[in-house]
C-alpha atoms as a PDB file:
ATOM      1  CA  MET A   1      -0.348  -0.316   0.023  1.00  0.00           C
ATOM      2  CA  SER A   2       1.349   3.357  -1.201  1.00  0.00           C
ATOM      3  CA  ALA A   3       2.130   5.855   1.665  1.00  0.00           C
ATOM      4  CA  ASP A   4      -0.868   8.192   0.500  1.00  0.00           C
ATOM      5  CA  ARG A   5      -3.314   4.764   0.935  1.00  0.00           C
ATOM      6  CA  GLY A   6      -2.245   4.210   4.318  1.00  0.00           C
ATOM      7  CA  ASN A   7      -2.791   8.377   4.872  1.00  0.00           C
ATOM      8  CA  LEU A   8      -5.939   8.337   3.061  1.00  0.00           C
ATOM      9  CA  HIS A   9      -7.258   4.852   5.154  1.00  0.00           C
ATOM     10  CA  ARG A  10      -5.752   6.698   8.706  1.00  0.00           C
ATOM     11  CA  LEU A  11      -7.786   9.642   8.157  1.00  0.00           C
ATOM     12  CA  VAL A  12     -11.511   7.868   7.045  1.00  0.00           C
ATOM     13  CA  ASP A  13     -10.412   5.834  10.358  1.00  0.00           C
ATOM     14  CA  GLN A  14     -10.392   9.424  12.184  1.00  0.00           C
ATOM     15  CA  LEU A  15     -14.426  10.541  10.857  1.00  0.00           C
ATOM     16  CA  ASP A  16     -17.348  10.762  12.906  1.00  0.00           C
ATOM     17  CA  ASP A  17     -19.798   8.382  11.728  1.00  0.00           C
ATOM     18  CA  GLU A  18     -21.629  11.387  10.241  1.00  0.00           C
ATOM     19  CA  GLN A  19     -18.927  12.494   8.148  1.00  0.00           C
ATOM     20  CA  VAL A  20     -18.607   9.110   6.547  1.00  0.00           C
ATOM     21  CA  ALA A  21     -21.641   8.981   4.156  1.00  0.00           C
ATOM     22  CA  GLU A  22     -20.025  12.661   2.854  1.00  0.00           C
ATOM     23  CA  ALA A  23     -16.533  11.135   2.571  1.00  0.00           C
ATOM     24  CA  ALA A  24     -18.174   8.429   0.649  1.00  0.00           C
ATOM     25  CA  ALA A  25     -20.325  10.320  -2.022  1.00  0.00           C
ATOM     26  CA  LEU A  26     -16.921  12.732  -2.343  1.00  0.00           C
ATOM     27  CA  LEU A  27     -14.419   9.611  -3.005  1.00  0.00           C
ATOM     28  CA  HIS A  28     -17.774   7.955  -5.203  1.00  0.00           C
ATOM     29  CA  SER A  29     -17.472  11.864  -7.363  1.00  0.00           C
ATOM     30  CA  LEU A  30     -13.821  10.971  -8.108  1.00  0.00           C
ATOM     31  CA  ALA A  31     -13.601   7.569  -8.990  1.00  0.00           C
ATOM     32  CA  PRO A  32     -13.545   6.527 -12.094  1.00  0.00           C
ATOM     33  CA  ALA A  33     -17.410   5.163 -13.355  1.00  0.00           C
ATOM     34  CA  GLY A  34     -17.976   2.170 -14.965  1.00  0.00           C
ATOM     35  CA  VAL A  35     -13.848   0.755 -13.626  1.00  0.00           C
ATOM     36  CA  PRO A  36     -14.925  -2.678 -10.937  1.00  0.00           C
ATOM     37  CA  HIS A  37     -13.196  -2.669  -8.125  1.00  0.00           C
ATOM     38  CA  GLN A  38     -10.712  -5.313  -8.594  1.00  0.00           C
ATOM     39  CA  PRO A  39      -9.981  -5.981  -4.201  1.00  0.00           C
ATOM     40  CA  ARG A  40      -5.931  -6.146  -3.469  1.00  0.00           C
ATOM     41  CA  ARG A  41      -4.664  -9.953  -2.510  1.00  0.00           C
ATOM     42  CA  ARG A  42      -3.973 -10.654   0.852  1.00  0.00           C
ATOM     43  CA  LEU A  43      -1.650 -13.069   1.620  1.00  0.00           C
ATOM     44  CA  SER A  44      -2.768 -15.098   4.192  1.00  0.00           C
ATOM     45  CA  PHE A  45       0.200 -17.279   4.705  1.00  0.00           C
ATOM     46  CA  ILE A  46       2.396 -14.601   5.718  1.00  0.00           C
ATOM     47  CA  CYS A  47       3.788 -14.287   9.315  1.00  0.00           C
ATOM     48  CA  ALA A  48       6.646 -14.232  11.456  1.00  0.00           C
ATOM     49  CA  TYR A  49       8.754 -17.048  13.047  1.00  0.00           C
ATOM     50  CA  ASP A  50      12.097 -17.869  14.871  1.00  0.00           C
ATOM     51  CA  SER A  51      13.337 -20.426  12.606  1.00  0.00           C
ATOM     52  CA  GLY A  52      17.013 -20.293  14.321  1.00  0.00           C
ATOM     53  CA  GLN A  53      18.604 -19.735  10.754  1.00  0.00           C
ATOM     54  CA  THR A  54      19.998 -15.905  10.099  1.00  0.00           C
ATOM     55  CA  ASP A  55      19.034 -15.439   6.422  1.00  0.00           C
ATOM     56  CA  THR A  56      15.910 -16.742   5.892  1.00  0.00           C
ATOM     57  CA  ALA A  57      15.578 -14.047   2.779  1.00  0.00           C
ATOM     58  CA  ALA A  58      18.252 -16.371   0.783  1.00  0.00           C
ATOM     59  CA  ARG A  59      15.848 -19.565   2.127  1.00  0.00           C
ATOM     60  CA  SER A  60      12.683 -17.453   1.020  1.00  0.00           C
ATOM     61  CA  GLY A  61      11.642 -20.098  -1.947  1.00  0.00           C
ATOM     62  CA  ALA A  62      12.718 -22.792   0.090  1.00  0.00           C
ATOM     63  CA  ILE A  63      10.667 -21.902   3.298  1.00  0.00           C
ATOM     64  CA  LEU A  64       7.576 -21.118   1.002  1.00  0.00           C
ATOM     65  CA  ARG A  65       7.203 -25.063  -0.912  1.00  0.00           C
ATOM     66  CA  GLU A  66       8.014 -26.232   2.870  1.00  0.00           C
ATOM     67  CA  GLY A  67       4.778 -24.142   3.842  1.00  0.00           C
ATOM     68  CA  LEU A  68       3.220 -25.147   0.692  1.00  0.00           C
ATOM     69  CA  GLY A  69       4.544 -29.317   0.830  1.00  0.00           C
ATOM     70  CA  ALA A  70       6.758 -29.313  -2.277  1.00  0.00           C
ATOM     71  CA  ALA A  71      10.137 -30.665  -1.548  1.00  0.00           C
ATOM     72  CA  ASP A  72      13.256 -28.175  -2.590  1.00  0.00           C
ATOM     73  CA  PRO A  73      14.364 -29.703  -6.170  1.00  0.00           C
ATOM     74  CA  HIS A  74      17.565 -28.096  -5.324  1.00  0.00           C
ATOM     75  CA  GLY A  75      18.159 -29.839  -2.118  1.00  0.00           C
ATOM     76  CA  ARG A  76      18.554 -26.515  -0.194  1.00  0.00           C
END
């Protein structure tokens, strides 16, 4: 999410319930008409863990394959 979108989310969260309808109307007027909404994909399997190894970024492919139940074809 870009910094501007994150800031917009924070601003909307600060609105009173009465202000939300007005803000929604304003945003609807700014959004392009006829363009279907495509939600951003949220990856539910991402989490923090302690692997005991220091370079998990280098092993990210193997870690993901292990999590998905596939063996590492490179033997790493």
